[in-house]
Amino acid sequence: MRARQADLLHLSGVLDAALEYEDYISEVNSGSRVADHSHWLYLSLTRATS
């Protein structure tokens, strides 16, 4: 049961990161944010793996 909970938490983190990336891309495409993919990727991977 613990392994399943850990898997669900991990998947939740991955889903959150994907949704944040979608928002990020929308902001970059609209010109309201400067693209910095490496910084975003670092933050997302850190969040998804912790």
PDB file of N, CA and C in Angstrom:
ATOM      1  N   MET A   1       0.825  -1.194   0.000  1.00  0.00           N
ATOM      2  CA  MET A   1       0.000   0.000   0.000  1.00  0.00           C
ATOM      3  C   MET A   1       0.871   1.262   0.000  1.00  0.00           C
ATOM      4  N   ARG A   2       1.965   1.248   0.752  1.00  0.00           N
ATOM      5  CA  ARG A   2       2.858   2.422   0.769  1.00  0.00           C
ATOM      6  C   ARG A   2       3.464   2.686  -0.595  1.00  0.00           C
ATOM      7  N   ALA A   3       3.829   1.607  -1.285  1.00  0.00           N
ATOM      8  CA  ALA A   3       4.415   1.779  -2.619  1.00  0.00           C
ATOM      9  C   ALA A   3       3.402   2.426  -3.556  1.00  0.00           C
ATOM     10  N   ARG A   4       2.159   2.012  -3.446  1.00  0.00           N
ATOM     11  CA  ARG A   4       1.112   2.597  -4.302  1.00  0.00           C
ATOM     12  C   ARG A   4       0.923   4.084  -3.972  1.00  0.00           C
ATOM     13  N   GLN A   5       0.936   4.436  -2.694  1.00  0.00           N
ATOM     14  CA  GLN A   5       0.805   5.839  -2.302  1.00  0.00           C
ATOM     15  C   GLN A   5       1.977   6.656  -2.839  1.00  0.00           C
ATOM     16  N   ALA A   6       3.168   6.089  -2.757  1.00  0.00           N
ATOM     17  CA  ALA A   6       4.352   6.785  -3.273  1.00  0.00           C
ATOM     18  C   ALA A   6       4.230   6.983  -4.782  1.00  0.00           C
ATOM     19  N   ASP A   7       3.748   5.952  -5.481  1.00  0.00           N
ATOM     20  CA  ASP A   7       3.558   6.069  -6.928  1.00  0.00           C
ATOM     21  C   ASP A   7       2.537   7.155  -7.264  1.00  0.00           C
ATOM     22  N   LEU A   8       1.451   7.198  -6.495  1.00  0.00           N
ATOM     23  CA  LEU A   8       0.422   8.210  -6.741  1.00  0.00           C
ATOM     24  C   LEU A   8       0.952   9.616  -6.472  1.00  0.00           C
ATOM     25  N   LEU A   9       1.752   9.772  -5.424  1.00  0.00           N
ATOM     26  CA  LEU A   9       2.348  11.079  -5.138  1.00  0.00           C
ATOM     27  C   LEU A   9       3.292  11.499  -6.257  1.00  0.00           C
ATOM     28  N   HIS A  10       4.073  10.537  -6.755  1.00  0.00           N
ATOM     29  CA  HIS A  10       5.000  10.825  -7.850  1.00  0.00           C
ATOM     30  C   HIS A  10       4.220  11.242  -9.098  1.00  0.00           C
ATOM     31  N   LEU A  11       3.171  10.488  -9.433  1.00  0.00           N
ATOM     32  CA  LEU A  11       2.369  10.820 -10.608  1.00  0.00           C
ATOM     33  C   LEU A  11       1.691  12.177 -10.454  1.00  0.00           C
ATOM     34  N   SER A  12       1.275  12.476  -9.241  1.00  0.00           N
ATOM     35  CA  SER A  12       0.666  13.778  -8.971  1.00  0.00           C
ATOM     36  C   SER A  12       1.678  14.897  -9.220  1.00  0.00           C
ATOM     37  N   GLY A  13       2.914  14.689  -8.784  1.00  0.00           N
ATOM     38  CA  GLY A  13       3.971  15.672  -9.016  1.00  0.00           C
ATOM     39  C   GLY A  13       4.265  15.851 -10.492  1.00  0.00           C
ATOM     40  N   VAL A  14       4.263  14.748 -11.234  1.00  0.00           N
ATOM     41  CA  VAL A  14       4.510  14.814 -12.676  1.00  0.00           C
ATOM     42  C   VAL A  14       3.371  15.561 -13.368  1.00  0.00           C
ATOM     43  N   LEU A  15       2.133  15.268 -12.966  1.00  0.00           N
ATOM     44  CA  LEU A  15       0.982  15.954 -13.550  1.00  0.00           C
ATOM     45  C   LEU A  15       1.025  17.451 -13.244  1.00  0.00           C
ATOM     46  N   ASP A  16       1.337  17.792 -12.006  1.00  0.00           N
ATOM     47  CA  ASP A  16       1.458  19.211 -11.637  1.00  0.00           C
ATOM     48  C   ASP A  16       2.522  19.904 -12.485  1.00  0.00           C
ATOM     49  N   ALA A  17       3.650  19.223 -12.689  1.00  0.00           N
ATOM     50  CA  ALA A  17       4.730  19.803 -13.490  1.00  0.00           C
ATOM     51  C   ALA A  17       4.277  20.009 -14.934  1.00  0.00           C
ATOM     52  N   ALA A  18       3.530  19.048 -15.476  1.00  0.00           N
ATOM     53  CA  ALA A  18       3.045  19.174 -16.854  1.00  0.00           C
ATOM     54  C   ALA A  18       2.081  20.352 -16.986  1.00  0.00           C
ATOM     55  N   LEU A  19       1.210  20.522 -16.009  1.00  0.00           N
ATOM     56  CA  LEU A  19       0.259  21.635 -16.043  1.00  0.00           C
ATOM     57  C   LEU A  19       0.981  22.974 -15.898  1.00  0.00           C
ATOM     58  N   GLU A  20       1.995  23.015 -15.049  1.00  0.00           N
ATOM     59  CA  GLU A  20       2.784  24.240 -14.897  1.00  0.00           C
ATOM     60  C   GLU A  20       3.520  24.567 -16.197  1.00  0.00           C
ATOM     61  N   TYR A  21       4.026  23.530 -16.868  1.00  0.00           N
ATOM     62  CA  TYR A  21       4.729  23.749 -18.131  1.00  0.00           C
ATOM     63  C   TYR A  21       3.775  24.304 -19.187  1.00  0.00           C
ATOM     64  N   GLU A  22       2.554  23.786 -19.211  1.00  0.00           N
ATOM     65  CA  GLU A  22       1.557  24.289 -20.156  1.00  0.00           C
ATOM     66  C   GLU A  22       1.298  25.780 -19.911  1.00  0.00           C
ATOM     67  N   ASP A  23       1.164  26.172 -18.651  1.00  0.00           N
ATOM     68  CA  ASP A  23       0.979  27.589 -18.310  1.00  0.00           C
ATOM     69  C   ASP A  23       2.199  28.411 -18.719  1.00  0.00           C
ATOM     70  N   TYR A  24       3.378  27.858 -18.456  1.00  0.00           N
ATOM     71  CA  TYR A  24       4.637  28.533 -18.797  1.00  0.00           C
ATOM     72  C   TYR A  24       4.720  28.795 -20.301  1.00  0.00           C
ATOM     73  N   ILE A  25       4.424  27.794 -21.102  1.00  0.00           N
ATOM     74  CA  ILE A  25       4.480  27.929 -22.559  1.00  0.00           C
ATOM     75  C   ILE A  25       3.466  28.963 -23.038  1.00  0.00           C
ATOM     76  N   SER A  26       2.284  28.960 -22.446  1.00  0.00           N
ATOM     77  CA  SER A  26       1.270  29.960 -22.813  1.00  0.00           C
ATOM     78  C   SER A  26       1.777  31.371 -22.538  1.00  0.00           C
ATOM     79  N   GLU A  27       2.431  31.559 -21.391  1.00  0.00           N
ATOM     80  CA  GLU A  27       2.969  32.875 -21.040  1.00  0.00           C
ATOM     81  C   GLU A  27       4.094  33.279 -21.990  1.00  0.00           C
ATOM     82  N   VAL A  28       4.960  32.339 -22.343  1.00  0.00           N
ATOM     83  CA  VAL A  28       6.055  32.634 -23.273  1.00  0.00           C
ATOM     84  C   VAL A  28       5.480  32.998 -24.643  1.00  0.00           C
ATOM     85  N   ASN A  29       4.505  32.216 -25.103  1.00  0.00           N
ATOM     86  CA  ASN A  29       3.916  32.468 -26.421  1.00  0.00           C
ATOM     87  C   ASN A  29       3.171  33.796 -26.480  1.00  0.00           C
ATOM     88  N   SER A  30       2.610  34.225 -25.363  1.00  0.00           N
ATOM     89  CA  SER A  30       1.875  35.494 -25.348  1.00  0.00           C
ATOM     90  C   SER A  30       2.815  36.688 -25.187  1.00  0.00           C
ATOM     91  N   GLY A  31       4.085  36.420 -24.868  1.00  0.00           N
ATOM     92  CA  GLY A  31       5.057  37.488 -24.705  1.00  0.00           C
ATOM     93  C   GLY A  31       5.117  38.058 -23.303  1.00  0.00           C
ATOM     94  N   SER A  32       4.355  37.489 -22.377  1.00  0.00           N
ATOM     95  CA  SER A  32       4.354  38.027 -21.014  1.00  0.00           C
ATOM     96  C   SER A  32       5.461  37.427 -20.155  1.00  0.00           C
ATOM     97  N   ARG A  33       6.216  36.487 -20.715  1.00  0.00           N
ATOM     98  CA  ARG A  33       7.305  35.867 -19.960  1.00  0.00           C
ATOM     99  C   ARG A  33       8.454  35.558 -20.907  1.00  0.00           C
ATOM    100  N   VAL A  34       9.662  35.725 -20.426  1.00  0.00           N
ATOM    101  CA  VAL A  34      10.852  35.407 -21.213  1.00  0.00           C
ATOM    102  C   VAL A  34      11.141  33.912 -21.068  1.00  0.00           C
ATOM    103  N   ALA A  35      11.456  33.274 -22.176  1.00  0.00           N
ATOM    104  CA  ALA A  35      11.722  31.837 -22.163  1.00  0.00           C
ATOM    105  C   ALA A  35      13.023  31.530 -21.433  1.00  0.00           C
ATOM    106  N   ASP A  36      12.959  30.657 -20.477  1.00  0.00           N
ATOM    107  CA  ASP A  36      14.136  30.152 -19.772  1.00  0.00           C
ATOM    108  C   ASP A  36      13.864  28.690 -19.440  1.00  0.00           C
ATOM    109  N   HIS A  37      13.939  27.864 -20.484  1.00  0.00           N
ATOM    110  CA  HIS A  37      13.547  26.468 -20.346  1.00  0.00           C
ATOM    111  C   HIS A  37      14.419  25.699 -19.358  1.00  0.00           C
ATOM    112  N   SER A  38      15.700  25.987 -19.318  1.00  0.00           N
ATOM    113  CA  SER A  38      16.578  25.224 -18.426  1.00  0.00           C
ATOM    114  C   SER A  38      16.224  25.470 -16.964  1.00  0.00           C
ATOM    115  N   HIS A  39      15.914  26.703 -16.609  1.00  0.00           N
ATOM    116  CA  HIS A  39      15.533  27.014 -15.229  1.00  0.00           C
ATOM    117  C   HIS A  39      14.202  26.348 -14.887  1.00  0.00           C
ATOM    118  N   TRP A  40      13.239  26.426 -15.787  1.00  0.00           N
ATOM    119  CA  TRP A  40      11.939  25.801 -15.546  1.00  0.00           C
ATOM    120  C   TRP A  40      12.091  24.292 -15.399  1.00  0.00           C
ATOM    121  N   LEU A  41      12.867  23.681 -16.280  1.00  0.00           N
ATOM    122  CA  LEU A  41      13.058  22.235 -16.236  1.00  0.00           C
ATOM    123  C   LEU A  41      13.695  21.807 -14.922  1.00  0.00           C
ATOM    124  N   TYR A  42      14.692  22.538 -14.453  1.00  0.00           N
ATOM    125  CA  TYR A  42      15.331  22.230 -13.173  1.00  0.00           C
ATOM    126  C   TYR A  42      14.309  22.271 -12.036  1.00  0.00           C
ATOM    127  N   LEU A  43      13.518  23.327 -11.982  1.00  0.00           N
ATOM    128  CA  LEU A  43      12.518  23.445 -10.914  1.00  0.00           C
ATOM    129  C   LEU A  43      11.483  22.334 -10.992  1.00  0.00           C
ATOM    130  N   SER A  44      11.030  22.022 -12.181  1.00  0.00           N
ATOM    131  CA  SER A  44      10.004  20.995 -12.349  1.00  0.00           C
ATOM    132  C   SER A  44      10.514  19.616 -11.976  1.00  0.00           C
ATOM    133  N   LEU A  45      11.712  19.295 -12.417  1.00  0.00           N
ATOM    134  CA  LEU A  45      12.263  17.979 -12.092  1.00  0.00           C
ATOM    135  C   LEU A  45      12.536  17.854 -10.607  1.00  0.00           C
ATOM    136  N   THR A  46      12.990  18.930  -9.989  1.00  0.00           N
ATOM    137  CA  THR A  46      13.231  18.911  -8.551  1.00  0.00           C
ATOM    138  C   THR A  46      11.930  18.660  -7.807  1.00  0.00           C
ATOM    139  N   ARG A  47      10.874  19.334  -8.225  1.00  0.00           N
ATOM    140  CA  ARG A  47       9.570  19.174  -7.584  1.00  0.00           C
ATOM    141  C   ARG A  47       9.001  17.776  -7.815  1.00  0.00           C
ATOM    142  N   ALA A  48       9.114  17.261  -9.036  1.00  0.00           N
ATOM    143  CA  ALA A  48       8.519  15.973  -9.389  1.00  0.00           C
ATOM    144  C   ALA A  48       9.241  14.802  -8.740  1.00  0.00           C
ATOM    145  N   THR A  49      10.515  14.968  -8.430  1.00  0.00           N
ATOM    146  CA  THR A  49      11.273  13.847  -7.871  1.00  0.00           C
ATOM    147  C   THR A  49      11.411  13.912  -6.362  1.00  0.00           C
ATOM    148  N   SER A  50      10.907  14.965  -5.748  1.00  0.00           N
ATOM    149  CA  SER A  50      11.052  15.054  -4.291  1.00  0.00           C
ATOM    150  C   SER A  50       9.835  14.522  -3.574  1.00  0.00           C
TER     151      SER A  50
END
